[in-house]
Amino acid sequence: MSDTVRWGILSTAGIAASAFVPSVKQTTRGQLVGVASREASRAEAFAREHEIAQSFGSYEDMIASD
């Protein structure tokens, strides 16, 4: 099976950076496609640091996106 699993992160808390991002990047099927935070600037900074394509200033906006 070679389908890609697209992941979005709902939070920029420490565990996302220290555990979740590295784990997804080690997989052959996982792809980090978005990150959301209650503050758009935090989501943008996190996305830049971890090379994630999209950032969102609310959880609802990310959930509503493709």
Protein backbone atom coordinates (compact mmCIF):
# COMPACT_ATOMS: atom_id res chain seq x y z
CA MET A 1 0.00 0.00 0.00
CA SER A 2 1.51 3.34 -1.01
CA ASP A 3 -1.19 5.89 -0.23
CA THR A 4 0.06 9.05 1.43
CA VAL A 5 -1.39 9.96 4.82
CA ARG A 6 -1.73 13.74 5.08
CA TRP A 7 -1.41 15.12 8.61
CA GLY A 8 -2.43 18.43 10.11
CA ILE A 9 -1.27 19.50 13.55
CA LEU A 10 -3.74 21.21 15.89
CA SER A 11 -1.34 23.07 18.17
CA THR A 12 2.22 24.32 18.22
CA ALA A 13 2.89 22.98 21.72
CA GLY A 14 6.22 21.37 22.53
CA ILE A 15 5.17 17.77 21.97
CA ALA A 16 4.27 18.58 18.36
CA ALA A 17 7.81 19.77 17.64
CA SER A 18 9.70 17.28 19.79
CA ALA A 19 7.79 14.08 19.04
CA PHE A 20 5.08 14.30 16.39
CA VAL A 21 6.92 16.16 13.60
CA PRO A 22 10.05 13.95 13.74
CA SER A 23 7.91 10.81 13.82
CA VAL A 24 5.87 11.76 10.76
CA LYS A 25 9.01 12.80 8.85
CA GLN A 26 10.49 9.33 9.46
CA THR A 27 7.58 7.55 7.82
CA THR A 28 7.43 6.67 4.15
CA ARG A 29 3.71 7.47 3.84
CA GLY A 30 3.23 10.46 6.14
CA GLN A 31 3.17 14.06 4.94
CA LEU A 32 2.79 17.13 7.15
CA VAL A 33 0.51 19.50 5.26
CA GLY A 34 -0.73 22.01 7.81
CA VAL A 35 -0.46 23.41 11.30
CA ALA A 36 -2.98 25.46 13.26
CA SER A 37 -2.69 27.61 16.35
CA ARG A 38 -4.95 30.09 18.11
CA GLU A 39 -2.38 32.69 17.03
CA ALA A 40 -1.62 32.92 13.30
CA SER A 41 1.93 34.14 13.94
CA ARG A 42 2.75 31.02 15.97
CA ALA A 43 1.36 28.75 13.28
CA GLU A 44 3.34 30.60 10.59
CA ALA A 45 6.60 30.37 12.55
CA PHE A 46 6.07 26.67 13.30
CA ALA A 47 5.30 25.96 9.64
CA ARG A 48 8.46 27.76 8.49
CA GLU A 49 10.65 25.99 11.04
CA HIS A 50 9.33 22.54 10.16
CA GLU A 51 8.80 23.03 6.41
CA ILE A 52 5.02 22.62 6.55
CA ALA A 53 3.18 24.06 3.55
CA GLN A 54 0.18 25.66 5.25
CA SER A 55 -0.48 27.46 8.50
CA PHE A 56 -3.80 28.52 10.00
CA GLY A 57 -4.75 31.05 12.67
CA SER A 58 -7.59 28.88 13.96
CA TYR A 59 -8.29 25.20 14.36
CA GLU A 60 -11.60 25.58 12.54
CA ASP A 61 -9.92 27.03 9.44
CA MET A 62 -7.57 24.07 9.16
CA ILE A 63 -10.33 21.53 9.68
CA ALA A 64 -12.42 23.22 6.97
CA SER A 65 -9.52 23.21 4.47
CA ASP A 66 -8.58 20.51 2.00
